[in-house]
Amino acid sequence: MFVREVVACDPGKSVDAKTSFDSDDPMFAGHFPGNPIVPGVILTEALAQAAGIAAASGYPEKERPVFLLSAIRTMKFLQAVRPDEQVELRAEKIGATETLFQFKAEARVNGVIVAEGQLVLSVAS
């Protein structure tokens, strides 16, 4: 799990969470030597996990399905995220069917948006 802390959750609708990535994580050895940044795919996964927490919290605990990242509608990386920076994650549901949930997601560092986009989660069968 990349989500380290849930700050607030409106069950089934939105979540505010936090994460950080330790500078000794092996991913930084190759991304990039001498200038480590958090890979965009990792930020996207952290946002998808946050969205999954929001989606799952809308179900009774014993009936919570597992959610999978099914589509990345859009994702922009506006600024590099460095090791050990505190990253604020926000995911807000903007649409849903019975088995698909679309979220607006954004990541911030020091109040500045570093990544934003729309993600679609599906209920795992």
N, C-alpha and C. Protein backbone atom coordinates (compact mmCIF):
# COMPACT_ATOMS: atom_id res chain seq x y z
N MET A 1 0.83 -1.19 0.00
CA MET A 1 0.00 0.00 0.00
C MET A 1 0.88 1.25 0.00
N PHE A 2 0.52 2.18 -0.84
CA PHE A 2 1.22 3.46 -0.87
C PHE A 2 0.54 4.50 0.01
N VAL A 3 -0.75 4.32 0.29
CA VAL A 3 -1.45 5.26 1.16
C VAL A 3 -0.99 5.00 2.59
N ARG A 4 -0.43 6.00 3.22
CA ARG A 4 0.10 5.85 4.58
C ARG A 4 -0.92 6.28 5.65
N GLU A 5 -1.77 7.24 5.29
CA GLU A 5 -2.70 7.78 6.29
C GLU A 5 -3.94 8.32 5.58
N VAL A 6 -5.11 7.96 6.12
CA VAL A 6 -6.36 8.55 5.65
C VAL A 6 -6.66 9.72 6.57
N VAL A 7 -6.77 10.90 6.00
CA VAL A 7 -7.01 12.12 6.77
C VAL A 7 -8.51 12.35 6.94
N ALA A 8 -9.26 12.16 5.86
CA ALA A 8 -10.72 12.34 5.90
C ALA A 8 -11.33 11.47 4.82
N CYS A 9 -12.55 11.01 5.07
CA CYS A 9 -13.23 10.17 4.10
C CYS A 9 -14.73 10.44 4.16
N ASP A 10 -15.32 10.73 3.02
CA ASP A 10 -16.76 10.82 2.86
C ASP A 10 -17.14 9.50 2.18
N PRO A 11 -17.63 8.52 2.95
CA PRO A 11 -17.80 7.16 2.44
C PRO A 11 -18.50 7.09 1.08
N GLY A 12 -17.82 6.40 0.16
CA GLY A 12 -18.33 6.20 -1.17
C GLY A 12 -18.16 7.39 -2.10
N LYS A 13 -17.68 8.52 -1.57
CA LYS A 13 -17.61 9.74 -2.38
C LYS A 13 -16.20 10.30 -2.56
N SER A 14 -15.46 10.46 -1.46
CA SER A 14 -14.14 11.08 -1.57
C SER A 14 -13.24 10.67 -0.41
N VAL A 15 -11.96 10.92 -0.61
CA VAL A 15 -10.97 10.65 0.44
C VAL A 15 -9.84 11.66 0.32
N ASP A 16 -9.31 12.03 1.46
CA ASP A 16 -8.08 12.81 1.55
C ASP A 16 -7.10 11.94 2.32
N ALA A 17 -5.93 11.75 1.76
CA ALA A 17 -4.95 10.85 2.36
C ALA A 17 -3.55 11.44 2.20
N LYS A 18 -2.58 10.77 2.81
CA LYS A 18 -1.19 11.20 2.73
C LYS A 18 -0.29 10.01 2.46
N THR A 19 0.84 10.31 1.86
CA THR A 19 1.87 9.31 1.65
C THR A 19 3.22 9.99 1.54
N SER A 20 4.25 9.21 1.57
CA SER A 20 5.61 9.66 1.28
C SER A 20 6.38 8.44 0.81
N PHE A 21 7.50 8.68 0.19
CA PHE A 21 8.32 7.61 -0.36
C PHE A 21 9.72 7.75 0.20
N ASP A 22 10.16 6.74 0.95
CA ASP A 22 11.46 6.79 1.62
C ASP A 22 12.61 6.86 0.62
N SER A 23 13.58 7.71 0.94
CA SER A 23 14.73 7.91 0.04
C SER A 23 15.55 6.64 -0.17
N ASP A 24 15.44 5.66 0.74
CA ASP A 24 16.19 4.42 0.57
C ASP A 24 15.42 3.36 -0.23
N ASP A 25 14.26 3.72 -0.76
CA ASP A 25 13.48 2.78 -1.57
C ASP A 25 14.27 2.43 -2.82
N PRO A 26 14.35 1.16 -3.18
CA PRO A 26 15.14 0.73 -4.34
C PRO A 26 14.72 1.37 -5.66
N MET A 27 13.47 1.86 -5.78
CA MET A 27 13.04 2.45 -7.05
C MET A 27 13.86 3.69 -7.40
N PHE A 28 14.43 4.35 -6.39
CA PHE A 28 15.18 5.57 -6.65
C PHE A 28 16.58 5.31 -7.20
N ALA A 29 17.06 4.08 -7.09
CA ALA A 29 18.39 3.76 -7.63
C ALA A 29 18.44 3.96 -9.14
N GLY A 30 17.33 3.69 -9.82
CA GLY A 30 17.33 3.84 -11.27
C GLY A 30 16.42 4.95 -11.78
N HIS A 31 15.85 5.71 -10.87
CA HIS A 31 14.86 6.73 -11.31
C HIS A 31 15.07 8.04 -10.58
N PHE A 32 15.96 8.80 -10.79
CA PHE A 32 17.09 8.73 -11.70
C PHE A 32 18.34 8.89 -10.86
N PRO A 33 19.43 8.18 -11.16
CA PRO A 33 20.65 8.28 -10.36
C PRO A 33 21.12 9.73 -10.23
N GLY A 34 21.31 10.16 -9.01
CA GLY A 34 21.77 11.52 -8.76
C GLY A 34 20.67 12.56 -8.78
N ASN A 35 19.47 12.20 -9.23
CA ASN A 35 18.34 13.13 -9.29
C ASN A 35 17.04 12.33 -9.08
N PRO A 36 16.87 11.74 -7.89
CA PRO A 36 15.73 10.84 -7.69
C PRO A 36 14.38 11.55 -7.71
N ILE A 37 13.44 10.94 -8.45
CA ILE A 37 12.06 11.41 -8.44
C ILE A 37 11.14 10.20 -8.34
N VAL A 38 9.96 10.41 -7.79
CA VAL A 38 8.96 9.35 -7.69
C VAL A 38 8.41 9.11 -9.10
N PRO A 39 8.45 7.86 -9.57
CA PRO A 39 7.91 7.58 -10.90
C PRO A 39 6.42 7.92 -10.99
N GLY A 40 6.01 8.43 -12.14
CA GLY A 40 4.61 8.78 -12.35
C GLY A 40 3.67 7.61 -12.14
N VAL A 41 4.10 6.41 -12.53
CA VAL A 41 3.25 5.23 -12.35
C VAL A 41 3.00 4.96 -10.86
N ILE A 42 3.97 5.27 -10.02
CA ILE A 42 3.80 5.07 -8.57
C ILE A 42 2.83 6.11 -8.02
N LEU A 43 2.96 7.35 -8.44
CA LEU A 43 1.99 8.39 -8.02
C LEU A 43 0.58 8.02 -8.47
N THR A 44 0.46 7.52 -9.68
CA THR A 44 -0.85 7.13 -10.21
C THR A 44 -1.42 5.99 -9.37
N GLU A 45 -0.60 5.02 -9.04
CA GLU A 45 -1.06 3.91 -8.20
C GLU A 45 -1.49 4.39 -6.82
N ALA A 46 -0.74 5.31 -6.23
CA ALA A 46 -1.12 5.85 -4.92
C ALA A 46 -2.49 6.54 -5.01
N LEU A 47 -2.72 7.29 -6.08
CA LEU A 47 -4.02 7.94 -6.28
C LEU A 47 -5.12 6.91 -6.49
N ALA A 48 -4.83 5.85 -7.23
CA ALA A 48 -5.82 4.79 -7.45
C ALA A 48 -6.15 4.09 -6.13
N GLN A 49 -5.16 3.88 -5.29
CA GLN A 49 -5.41 3.27 -3.98
C GLN A 49 -6.28 4.17 -3.13
N ALA A 50 -6.02 5.47 -3.17
CA ALA A 50 -6.86 6.42 -2.43
C ALA A 50 -8.29 6.36 -2.94
N ALA A 51 -8.47 6.33 -4.26
CA ALA A 51 -9.80 6.23 -4.84
C ALA A 51 -10.48 4.93 -4.41
N GLY A 52 -9.71 3.85 -4.35
CA GLY A 52 -10.25 2.56 -3.91
C GLY A 52 -10.74 2.61 -2.47
N ILE A 53 -10.03 3.35 -1.63
CA ILE A 53 -10.46 3.52 -0.24
C ILE A 53 -11.80 4.25 -0.20
N ALA A 54 -11.92 5.31 -1.00
CA ALA A 54 -13.18 6.06 -1.05
C ALA A 54 -14.31 5.16 -1.55
N ALA A 55 -14.07 4.43 -2.63
CA ALA A 55 -15.10 3.57 -3.21
C ALA A 55 -15.52 2.47 -2.23
N ALA A 56 -14.56 1.80 -1.64
CA ALA A 56 -14.85 0.69 -0.73
C ALA A 56 -15.58 1.15 0.52
N SER A 57 -15.28 2.34 0.98
CA SER A 57 -15.90 2.81 2.22
C SER A 57 -17.41 3.06 2.06
N GLY A 58 -17.90 3.05 0.84
CA GLY A 58 -19.33 3.21 0.60
C GLY A 58 -20.12 1.93 0.78
N TYR A 59 -19.44 0.83 1.06
CA TYR A 59 -20.07 -0.48 1.26
C TYR A 59 -19.98 -0.88 2.72
N PRO A 60 -20.93 -1.71 3.20
CA PRO A 60 -20.76 -2.27 4.55
C PRO A 60 -19.46 -3.06 4.62
N GLU A 61 -18.81 -3.03 5.75
CA GLU A 61 -17.47 -3.63 5.88
C GLU A 61 -17.39 -5.07 5.39
N LYS A 62 -18.38 -5.88 5.69
CA LYS A 62 -18.34 -7.29 5.31
C LYS A 62 -18.66 -7.52 3.83
N GLU A 63 -19.12 -6.49 3.14
CA GLU A 63 -19.50 -6.62 1.74
C GLU A 63 -18.60 -5.83 0.80
N ARG A 64 -17.49 -5.31 1.30
CA ARG A 64 -16.63 -4.47 0.47
C ARG A 64 -15.93 -5.26 -0.62
N PRO A 65 -16.14 -4.86 -1.86
CA PRO A 65 -15.45 -5.55 -2.95
C PRO A 65 -14.01 -5.06 -3.07
N VAL A 66 -13.24 -5.76 -3.86
CA VAL A 66 -11.89 -5.35 -4.21
C VAL A 66 -12.01 -4.54 -5.50
N PHE A 67 -11.28 -3.44 -5.58
CA PHE A 67 -11.32 -2.59 -6.76
C PHE A 67 -9.99 -2.68 -7.51
N LEU A 68 -10.08 -2.61 -8.82
CA LEU A 68 -8.89 -2.63 -9.68
C LEU A 68 -8.86 -1.36 -10.53
N LEU A 69 -7.67 -0.86 -10.78
CA LEU A 69 -7.51 0.26 -11.69
C LEU A 69 -7.76 -0.27 -13.09
N SER A 70 -8.79 0.27 -13.75
CA SER A 70 -9.19 -0.23 -15.07
C SER A 70 -8.82 0.72 -16.20
N ALA A 71 -8.78 2.02 -15.90
CA ALA A 71 -8.47 2.98 -16.96
C ALA A 71 -7.89 4.25 -16.34
N ILE A 72 -7.00 4.85 -17.09
CA ILE A 72 -6.48 6.17 -16.74
C ILE A 72 -7.01 7.08 -17.84
N ARG A 73 -8.04 7.85 -17.52
CA ARG A 73 -8.65 8.73 -18.52
C ARG A 73 -7.68 9.84 -18.91
N THR A 74 -7.13 10.48 -17.90
CA THR A 74 -6.11 11.50 -18.10
C THR A 74 -5.19 11.45 -16.89
N MET A 75 -3.96 11.83 -17.08
CA MET A 75 -3.04 11.98 -15.95
C MET A 75 -1.94 12.92 -16.40
N LYS A 76 -1.77 13.98 -15.64
CA LYS A 76 -0.71 14.95 -15.92
C LYS A 76 0.20 15.03 -14.72
N PHE A 77 1.48 15.12 -14.99
CA PHE A 77 2.48 15.28 -13.94
C PHE A 77 3.05 16.68 -14.10
N LEU A 78 2.72 17.54 -13.18
CA LEU A 78 3.03 18.96 -13.31
C LEU A 78 4.34 19.36 -12.65
N GLN A 79 4.80 18.53 -11.73
CA GLN A 79 6.03 18.84 -11.00
C GLN A 79 6.58 17.53 -10.44
N ALA A 80 7.89 17.41 -10.38
CA ALA A 80 8.51 16.20 -9.84
C ALA A 80 8.26 16.08 -8.34
N VAL A 81 8.07 14.85 -7.89
CA VAL A 81 7.95 14.55 -6.47
C VAL A 81 9.25 13.87 -6.06
N ARG A 82 9.84 14.35 -5.00
CA ARG A 82 11.13 13.86 -4.52
C ARG A 82 10.95 12.90 -3.34
N PRO A 83 11.96 12.07 -3.10
CA PRO A 83 11.90 11.19 -1.93
C PRO A 83 11.69 12.00 -0.65
N ASP A 84 10.96 11.42 0.26
CA ASP A 84 10.71 11.95 1.61
C ASP A 84 9.77 13.16 1.63
N GLU A 85 9.26 13.61 0.49
CA GLU A 85 8.28 14.69 0.52
C GLU A 85 6.92 14.14 0.95
N GLN A 86 6.19 14.94 1.71
CA GLN A 86 4.84 14.57 2.12
C GLN A 86 3.90 14.85 0.95
N VAL A 87 3.20 13.84 0.49
CA VAL A 87 2.29 13.96 -0.65
C VAL A 87 0.85 13.83 -0.15
N GLU A 88 0.05 14.83 -0.46
CA GLU A 88 -1.37 14.80 -0.12
C GLU A 88 -2.12 14.24 -1.32
N LEU A 89 -2.94 13.24 -1.08
CA LEU A 89 -3.71 12.59 -2.13
C LEU A 89 -5.18 12.91 -1.95
N ARG A 90 -5.86 13.22 -3.03
CA ARG A 90 -7.31 13.47 -2.98
C ARG A 90 -7.96 12.75 -4.15
N ALA A 91 -9.03 12.04 -3.86
CA ALA A 91 -9.81 11.36 -4.90
C ALA A 91 -11.28 11.64 -4.62
N GLU A 92 -11.99 12.06 -5.66
CA GLU A 92 -13.40 12.39 -5.54
C GLU A 92 -14.18 11.71 -6.66
N LYS A 93 -15.20 10.94 -6.29
CA LYS A 93 -16.00 10.23 -7.29
C LYS A 93 -16.78 11.24 -8.13
N ILE A 94 -16.69 11.08 -9.45
CA ILE A 94 -17.41 11.98 -10.35
C ILE A 94 -18.42 11.23 -11.21
N GLY A 95 -18.43 9.90 -11.12
CA GLY A 95 -19.38 9.12 -11.87
C GLY A 95 -19.28 7.66 -11.49
N ALA A 96 -20.37 6.93 -11.73
CA ALA A 96 -20.35 5.50 -11.39
C ALA A 96 -21.45 4.76 -12.13
N THR A 97 -21.18 3.49 -12.38
CA THR A 97 -22.19 2.53 -12.80
C THR A 97 -22.19 1.48 -11.69
N GLU A 98 -22.82 0.36 -11.95
CA GLU A 98 -22.85 -0.68 -10.92
C GLU A 98 -21.46 -1.23 -10.60
N THR A 99 -20.60 -1.31 -11.63
CA THR A 99 -19.28 -1.93 -11.41
C THR A 99 -18.09 -1.04 -11.77
N LEU A 100 -18.34 0.17 -12.25
CA LEU A 100 -17.27 1.10 -12.61
C LEU A 100 -17.41 2.40 -11.84
N PHE A 101 -16.29 2.93 -11.38
CA PHE A 101 -16.29 4.16 -10.60
C PHE A 101 -15.23 5.09 -11.16
N GLN A 102 -15.63 6.29 -11.53
CA GLN A 102 -14.69 7.26 -12.09
C GLN A 102 -14.38 8.31 -11.02
N PHE A 103 -13.10 8.61 -10.87
CA PHE A 103 -12.63 9.56 -9.86
C PHE A 103 -11.78 10.65 -10.48
N LYS A 104 -11.97 11.85 -9.98
CA LYS A 104 -11.04 12.94 -10.21
C LYS A 104 -9.99 12.78 -9.10
N ALA A 105 -8.73 12.80 -9.47
CA ALA A 105 -7.67 12.58 -8.48
C ALA A 105 -6.58 13.62 -8.63
N GLU A 106 -6.01 14.00 -7.49
CA GLU A 106 -4.88 14.92 -7.53
C GLU A 106 -3.94 14.66 -6.37
N ALA A 107 -2.68 14.95 -6.63
CA ALA A 107 -1.64 14.85 -5.61
C ALA A 107 -1.02 16.22 -5.44
N ARG A 108 -0.75 16.59 -4.19
CA ARG A 108 -0.15 17.89 -3.89
C ARG A 108 1.06 17.70 -2.96
N VAL A 109 2.02 18.58 -3.15
CA VAL A 109 3.16 18.69 -2.24
C VAL A 109 3.23 20.16 -1.83
N ASN A 110 3.21 20.39 -0.53
CA ASN A 110 3.22 21.77 0.00
C ASN A 110 2.11 22.63 -0.63
N GLY A 111 0.95 22.02 -0.83
CA GLY A 111 -0.20 22.74 -1.36
C GLY A 111 -0.19 22.95 -2.87
N VAL A 112 0.85 22.52 -3.55
CA VAL A 112 0.98 22.70 -5.00
C VAL A 112 0.61 21.38 -5.69
N ILE A 113 -0.28 21.46 -6.69
CA ILE A 113 -0.66 20.25 -7.43
C ILE A 113 0.55 19.75 -8.23
N VAL A 114 0.89 18.49 -8.01
CA VAL A 114 2.02 17.88 -8.72
C VAL A 114 1.55 16.84 -9.74
N ALA A 115 0.33 16.33 -9.55
CA ALA A 115 -0.24 15.37 -10.50
C ALA A 115 -1.75 15.46 -10.40
N GLU A 116 -2.43 15.30 -11.54
CA GLU A 116 -3.88 15.32 -11.53
C GLU A 116 -4.40 14.54 -12.73
N GLY A 117 -5.59 13.99 -12.56
CA GLY A 117 -6.19 13.26 -13.65
C GLY A 117 -7.49 12.60 -13.27
N GLN A 118 -7.95 11.70 -14.12
CA GLN A 118 -9.16 10.94 -13.87
C GLN A 118 -8.85 9.46 -14.01
N LEU A 119 -9.31 8.70 -13.03
CA LEU A 119 -9.06 7.28 -12.97
C LEU A 119 -10.38 6.53 -12.92
N VAL A 120 -10.41 5.35 -13.52
CA VAL A 120 -11.59 4.49 -13.46
C VAL A 120 -11.22 3.21 -12.73
N LEU A 121 -12.00 2.87 -11.72
CA LEU A 121 -11.83 1.63 -10.98
C LEU A 121 -12.98 0.70 -11.31
N SER A 122 -12.71 -0.59 -11.31
CA SER A 122 -13.77 -1.58 -11.52
C SER A 122 -13.79 -2.52 -10.34
N VAL A 123 -14.97 -3.11 -10.13
CA VAL A 123 -15.11 -4.11 -9.08
C VAL A 123 -14.51 -5.40 -9.62
N ALA A 124 -13.58 -5.98 -8.87
CA ALA A 124 -12.94 -7.23 -9.29
C ALA A 124 -13.96 -8.36 -9.24
N SER A 125 -13.91 -9.22 -10.25
CA SER A 125 -14.87 -10.35 -10.26
C SER A 125 -14.24 -11.60 -9.70
